[in-house]
Amino acid sequence: MDTVAPFLILLAIAALFWLAIIRPQQRRQQTMRRMQTDLSMGDEVMLTSGIIGVLRSLDEETVQIEVSEGVTFRVVRGAVGQVRTPAARDENTEPAADAAAEPEEN
């Protein structure tokens, strides 16, 4: 039993490492891959570099993103980091109605 205890401790440490670090990273990668394969024309997306635009064309490996009227970028699907929905964007960018921010006029 004295020779098995150190082996069991190492096995337990390896299992905790897998549960705490490797498995969550695998789930994040799977979610990112699913999002990148489910892209559709007209989606507003943000690239991993922070550039925001609207998808104008798609193929197997690349997408074309319009960042301004008449200006498009061709990037690989892996560069898309987030799909921004209009509802989520409006909630995050809408200014709060704060009495201190806008003084009342008398």
N, C-alpha and C. Protein backbone atom coordinates (compact mmCIF):
# COMPACT_ATOMS: atom_id res chain seq x y z
N MET A 1 0.82 -1.20 0.00
CA MET A 1 0.00 0.00 0.00
C MET A 1 0.86 1.26 0.00
N ASP A 2 2.09 1.17 0.53
CA ASP A 2 2.98 2.33 0.58
C ASP A 2 3.44 2.74 -0.82
N THR A 3 3.51 1.82 -1.74
CA THR A 3 3.96 2.16 -3.09
C THR A 3 2.82 2.68 -3.96
N VAL A 4 1.60 2.43 -3.58
CA VAL A 4 0.45 2.85 -4.37
C VAL A 4 0.02 4.28 -4.01
N ALA A 5 0.20 4.71 -2.80
CA ALA A 5 -0.26 6.03 -2.33
C ALA A 5 0.32 7.17 -3.16
N PRO A 6 1.62 7.23 -3.41
CA PRO A 6 2.14 8.34 -4.24
C PRO A 6 1.56 8.33 -5.65
N PHE A 7 1.35 7.14 -6.20
CA PHE A 7 0.76 7.04 -7.53
C PHE A 7 -0.67 7.59 -7.54
N LEU A 8 -1.44 7.27 -6.51
CA LEU A 8 -2.82 7.76 -6.40
C LEU A 8 -2.86 9.28 -6.23
N ILE A 9 -1.92 9.83 -5.50
CA ILE A 9 -1.86 11.28 -5.32
C ILE A 9 -1.55 11.96 -6.64
N LEU A 10 -0.59 11.44 -7.40
CA LEU A 10 -0.28 11.99 -8.72
C LEU A 10 -1.47 11.87 -9.67
N LEU A 11 -2.17 10.76 -9.61
CA LEU A 11 -3.35 10.57 -10.45
C LEU A 11 -4.44 11.57 -10.08
N ALA A 12 -4.65 11.82 -8.79
CA ALA A 12 -5.64 12.79 -8.34
C ALA A 12 -5.27 14.20 -8.79
N ILE A 13 -4.01 14.56 -8.72
CA ILE A 13 -3.55 15.88 -9.17
C ILE A 13 -3.77 16.03 -10.67
N ALA A 14 -3.48 15.01 -11.45
CA ALA A 14 -3.69 15.05 -12.89
C ALA A 14 -5.18 15.20 -13.21
N ALA A 15 -6.03 14.50 -12.48
CA ALA A 15 -7.47 14.61 -12.70
C ALA A 15 -7.98 16.02 -12.38
N LEU A 16 -7.51 16.60 -11.29
CA LEU A 16 -7.91 17.97 -10.93
C LEU A 16 -7.43 18.97 -11.97
N PHE A 17 -6.21 18.78 -12.46
CA PHE A 17 -5.67 19.65 -13.50
C PHE A 17 -6.54 19.59 -14.75
N TRP A 18 -6.93 18.38 -15.15
CA TRP A 18 -7.77 18.21 -16.33
C TRP A 18 -9.13 18.88 -16.12
N LEU A 19 -9.74 18.68 -14.96
CA LEU A 19 -11.06 19.26 -14.68
C LEU A 19 -11.03 20.78 -14.57
N ALA A 20 -9.95 21.31 -14.01
CA ALA A 20 -9.89 22.75 -13.76
C ALA A 20 -9.40 23.57 -14.95
N ILE A 21 -8.55 22.99 -15.80
CA ILE A 21 -7.93 23.79 -16.85
C ILE A 21 -8.25 23.28 -18.25
N ILE A 22 -8.03 22.04 -18.51
CA ILE A 22 -8.14 21.53 -19.88
C ILE A 22 -9.59 21.43 -20.34
N ARG A 23 -10.47 20.89 -19.55
CA ARG A 23 -11.87 20.70 -19.95
C ARG A 23 -12.58 22.03 -20.22
N PRO A 24 -12.47 23.06 -19.37
CA PRO A 24 -13.12 24.34 -19.70
C PRO A 24 -12.60 24.96 -20.99
N GLN A 25 -11.30 24.83 -21.25
CA GLN A 25 -10.72 25.36 -22.49
C GLN A 25 -11.29 24.63 -23.70
N GLN A 26 -11.47 23.32 -23.61
CA GLN A 26 -12.06 22.56 -24.70
C GLN A 26 -13.49 23.02 -24.97
N ARG A 27 -14.25 23.30 -23.93
CA ARG A 27 -15.62 23.78 -24.10
C ARG A 27 -15.65 25.15 -24.76
N ARG A 28 -14.74 26.05 -24.37
CA ARG A 28 -14.68 27.37 -25.00
C ARG A 28 -14.34 27.25 -26.48
N GLN A 29 -13.40 26.39 -26.82
CA GLN A 29 -13.03 26.19 -28.22
C GLN A 29 -14.19 25.61 -29.02
N GLN A 30 -14.92 24.69 -28.44
CA GLN A 30 -16.06 24.08 -29.12
C GLN A 30 -17.15 25.12 -29.35
N THR A 31 -17.41 25.98 -28.38
CA THR A 31 -18.40 27.04 -28.53
C THR A 31 -17.98 28.02 -29.61
N MET A 32 -16.70 28.37 -29.66
CA MET A 32 -16.19 29.30 -30.67
C MET A 32 -16.31 28.70 -32.06
N ARG A 33 -15.95 27.42 -32.21
CA ARG A 33 -16.08 26.75 -33.52
C ARG A 33 -17.53 26.71 -33.98
N ARG A 34 -18.45 26.43 -33.06
CA ARG A 34 -19.87 26.37 -33.40
C ARG A 34 -20.36 27.74 -33.86
N MET A 35 -19.94 28.80 -33.16
CA MET A 35 -20.34 30.16 -33.55
C MET A 35 -19.80 30.50 -34.93
N GLN A 36 -18.56 30.13 -35.22
CA GLN A 36 -17.94 30.46 -36.50
C GLN A 36 -18.55 29.67 -37.65
N THR A 37 -19.05 28.48 -37.41
CA THR A 37 -19.70 27.72 -38.48
C THR A 37 -21.14 28.15 -38.68
N ASP A 38 -21.78 28.76 -37.68
CA ASP A 38 -23.17 29.18 -37.78
C ASP A 38 -23.33 30.61 -38.27
N LEU A 39 -22.28 31.23 -38.77
CA LEU A 39 -22.38 32.60 -39.27
C LEU A 39 -23.32 32.66 -40.47
N SER A 40 -24.02 33.79 -40.60
CA SER A 40 -24.90 33.96 -41.76
C SER A 40 -24.79 35.40 -42.27
N MET A 41 -25.17 35.58 -43.52
CA MET A 41 -25.10 36.89 -44.16
C MET A 41 -25.89 37.92 -43.35
N GLY A 42 -25.34 39.10 -43.21
CA GLY A 42 -26.01 40.17 -42.49
C GLY A 42 -25.71 40.23 -41.01
N ASP A 43 -25.04 39.22 -40.46
CA ASP A 43 -24.67 39.25 -39.04
C ASP A 43 -23.66 40.35 -38.79
N GLU A 44 -23.83 41.05 -37.70
CA GLU A 44 -22.81 42.02 -37.29
C GLU A 44 -21.83 41.26 -36.40
N VAL A 45 -20.56 41.32 -36.76
CA VAL A 45 -19.54 40.54 -36.05
C VAL A 45 -18.40 41.44 -35.61
N MET A 46 -17.68 40.96 -34.60
CA MET A 46 -16.46 41.62 -34.18
C MET A 46 -15.32 40.63 -34.36
N LEU A 47 -14.28 41.06 -35.04
CA LEU A 47 -13.11 40.22 -35.24
C LEU A 47 -12.30 40.17 -33.95
N THR A 48 -11.40 39.22 -33.85
CA THR A 48 -10.57 39.11 -32.65
C THR A 48 -9.67 40.34 -32.49
N SER A 49 -9.46 41.09 -33.57
CA SER A 49 -8.65 42.31 -33.50
C SER A 49 -9.47 43.51 -33.05
N GLY A 50 -10.79 43.34 -32.92
CA GLY A 50 -11.65 44.43 -32.46
C GLY A 50 -12.39 45.15 -33.57
N ILE A 51 -12.16 44.80 -34.82
CA ILE A 51 -12.84 45.44 -35.94
C ILE A 51 -14.28 44.92 -36.00
N ILE A 52 -15.23 45.83 -36.15
CA ILE A 52 -16.64 45.47 -36.20
C ILE A 52 -17.17 45.73 -37.60
N GLY A 53 -17.94 44.79 -38.11
CA GLY A 53 -18.51 44.94 -39.44
C GLY A 53 -19.66 43.99 -39.66
N VAL A 54 -20.22 44.03 -40.87
CA VAL A 54 -21.37 43.21 -41.24
C VAL A 54 -20.92 42.20 -42.29
N LEU A 55 -21.32 40.94 -42.12
CA LEU A 55 -20.94 39.89 -43.07
C LEU A 55 -21.67 40.09 -44.39
N ARG A 56 -20.90 40.13 -45.48
CA ARG A 56 -21.48 40.32 -46.81
C ARG A 56 -21.38 39.08 -47.68
N SER A 57 -20.37 38.22 -47.46
CA SER A 57 -20.30 36.96 -48.19
C SER A 57 -19.55 35.94 -47.36
N LEU A 58 -19.88 34.68 -47.60
CA LEU A 58 -19.30 33.58 -46.84
C LEU A 58 -18.87 32.48 -47.79
N ASP A 59 -17.78 31.83 -47.49
CA ASP A 59 -17.47 30.55 -48.13
C ASP A 59 -16.91 29.64 -47.04
N GLU A 60 -16.36 28.51 -47.43
CA GLU A 60 -15.94 27.51 -46.45
C GLU A 60 -14.90 28.03 -45.45
N GLU A 61 -13.92 28.78 -45.93
CA GLU A 61 -12.81 29.19 -45.07
C GLU A 61 -12.76 30.68 -44.78
N THR A 62 -13.37 31.51 -45.61
CA THR A 62 -13.25 32.96 -45.44
C THR A 62 -14.62 33.62 -45.41
N VAL A 63 -14.62 34.86 -44.90
CA VAL A 63 -15.82 35.70 -44.91
C VAL A 63 -15.40 37.09 -45.38
N GLN A 64 -16.35 37.81 -45.96
CA GLN A 64 -16.10 39.21 -46.31
C GLN A 64 -16.93 40.07 -45.38
N ILE A 65 -16.27 41.01 -44.74
CA ILE A 65 -16.91 41.87 -43.75
C ILE A 65 -16.87 43.30 -44.25
N GLU A 66 -18.04 43.93 -44.29
CA GLU A 66 -18.12 45.34 -44.68
C GLU A 66 -18.01 46.18 -43.41
N VAL A 67 -16.96 47.00 -43.34
CA VAL A 67 -16.72 47.82 -42.16
C VAL A 67 -17.23 49.24 -42.35
N SER A 68 -17.38 49.65 -43.57
CA SER A 68 -17.92 50.96 -43.91
C SER A 68 -18.53 50.80 -45.30
N GLU A 69 -19.36 51.71 -45.69
CA GLU A 69 -20.02 51.56 -46.98
C GLU A 69 -18.98 51.48 -48.09
N GLY A 70 -18.96 50.36 -48.80
CA GLY A 70 -18.03 50.14 -49.89
C GLY A 70 -16.66 49.64 -49.48
N VAL A 71 -16.41 49.46 -48.18
CA VAL A 71 -15.10 48.98 -47.70
C VAL A 71 -15.30 47.60 -47.09
N THR A 72 -14.69 46.57 -47.73
CA THR A 72 -14.83 45.21 -47.20
C THR A 72 -13.45 44.61 -46.95
N PHE A 73 -13.42 43.73 -45.96
CA PHE A 73 -12.22 42.95 -45.63
C PHE A 73 -12.54 41.49 -45.88
N ARG A 74 -11.57 40.77 -46.39
CA ARG A 74 -11.70 39.32 -46.52
C ARG A 74 -10.81 38.70 -45.46
N VAL A 75 -11.42 37.94 -44.56
CA VAL A 75 -10.68 37.33 -43.44
C VAL A 75 -11.09 35.87 -43.31
N VAL A 76 -10.27 35.09 -42.63
CA VAL A 76 -10.62 33.70 -42.35
C VAL A 76 -11.69 33.66 -41.27
N ARG A 77 -12.49 32.61 -41.29
CA ARG A 77 -13.57 32.49 -40.30
C ARG A 77 -13.04 32.49 -38.86
N GLY A 78 -11.84 31.98 -38.67
CA GLY A 78 -11.25 31.93 -37.33
C GLY A 78 -10.99 33.30 -36.73
N ALA A 79 -10.98 34.34 -37.57
CA ALA A 79 -10.76 35.69 -37.07
C ALA A 79 -12.01 36.29 -36.44
N VAL A 80 -13.17 35.67 -36.68
CA VAL A 80 -14.42 36.17 -36.10
C VAL A 80 -14.45 35.74 -34.64
N GLY A 81 -14.48 36.72 -33.76
CA GLY A 81 -14.45 36.42 -32.33
C GLY A 81 -15.78 36.50 -31.64
N GLN A 82 -16.75 37.22 -32.25
CA GLN A 82 -18.02 37.41 -31.58
C GLN A 82 -19.07 37.85 -32.60
N VAL A 83 -20.28 37.32 -32.45
CA VAL A 83 -21.42 37.81 -33.23
C VAL A 83 -22.17 38.79 -32.34
N ARG A 84 -22.28 40.01 -32.81
CA ARG A 84 -22.95 41.06 -32.03
C ARG A 84 -24.37 41.20 -32.53
N THR A 85 -25.32 40.95 -31.67
CA THR A 85 -26.72 41.10 -32.04
C THR A 85 -27.17 42.53 -31.75
N PRO A 86 -28.07 43.08 -32.55
CA PRO A 86 -28.50 44.45 -32.32
C PRO A 86 -29.08 44.67 -30.92
N ALA A 87 -29.80 43.70 -30.36
CA ALA A 87 -30.39 43.87 -29.03
C ALA A 87 -29.30 43.98 -27.96
N ALA A 88 -28.27 43.13 -28.04
CA ALA A 88 -27.19 43.17 -27.05
C ALA A 88 -26.39 44.46 -27.20
N ARG A 89 -26.18 44.92 -28.43
CA ARG A 89 -25.42 46.14 -28.65
C ARG A 89 -26.16 47.34 -28.08
N ASP A 90 -27.49 47.40 -28.27
CA ASP A 90 -28.27 48.52 -27.77
C ASP A 90 -28.26 48.58 -26.25
N GLU A 91 -28.30 47.43 -25.58
CA GLU A 91 -28.29 47.42 -24.13
C GLU A 91 -26.96 47.93 -23.59
N ASN A 92 -25.86 47.60 -24.25
CA ASN A 92 -24.54 47.97 -23.75
C ASN A 92 -24.16 49.42 -24.08
N THR A 93 -24.71 49.98 -25.15
CA THR A 93 -24.28 51.31 -25.55
C THR A 93 -25.29 52.39 -25.25
N GLU A 94 -26.45 52.02 -24.77
CA GLU A 94 -27.49 53.00 -24.48
C GLU A 94 -27.09 53.81 -23.25
N PRO A 95 -27.09 55.15 -23.35
CA PRO A 95 -26.69 55.95 -22.19
C PRO A 95 -27.74 55.86 -21.09
N ALA A 96 -27.25 55.83 -19.88
CA ALA A 96 -28.15 55.76 -18.73
C ALA A 96 -28.75 57.13 -18.47
N ALA A 97 -30.02 57.12 -18.11
CA ALA A 97 -30.69 58.37 -17.76
C ALA A 97 -30.31 58.72 -16.33
N ASP A 98 -29.37 59.63 -16.20
CA ASP A 98 -28.84 59.99 -14.90
C ASP A 98 -29.04 61.48 -14.68
N ALA A 99 -29.59 61.85 -13.55
CA ALA A 99 -29.86 63.25 -13.26
C ALA A 99 -28.56 64.06 -13.19
N ALA A 100 -27.47 63.44 -12.74
CA ALA A 100 -26.19 64.15 -12.63
C ALA A 100 -25.58 64.38 -14.02
N ALA A 101 -25.90 63.54 -14.97
CA ALA A 101 -25.32 63.66 -16.30
C ALA A 101 -25.95 64.79 -17.09
N GLU A 102 -27.24 65.02 -16.88
CA GLU A 102 -27.93 66.08 -17.62
C GLU A 102 -28.58 67.04 -16.63
N PRO A 103 -28.01 68.23 -16.46
CA PRO A 103 -28.62 69.17 -15.53
C PRO A 103 -29.93 69.71 -16.11
N GLU A 104 -30.88 69.93 -15.23
CA GLU A 104 -32.18 70.45 -15.65
C GLU A 104 -32.09 71.94 -15.89
N GLU A 105 -32.81 72.41 -16.89
CA GLU A 105 -32.86 73.84 -17.15
C GLU A 105 -34.15 74.39 -16.55
N ASN A 106 -34.06 75.55 -15.92
CA ASN A 106 -35.24 76.17 -15.29
C ASN A 106 -35.69 77.35 -16.07
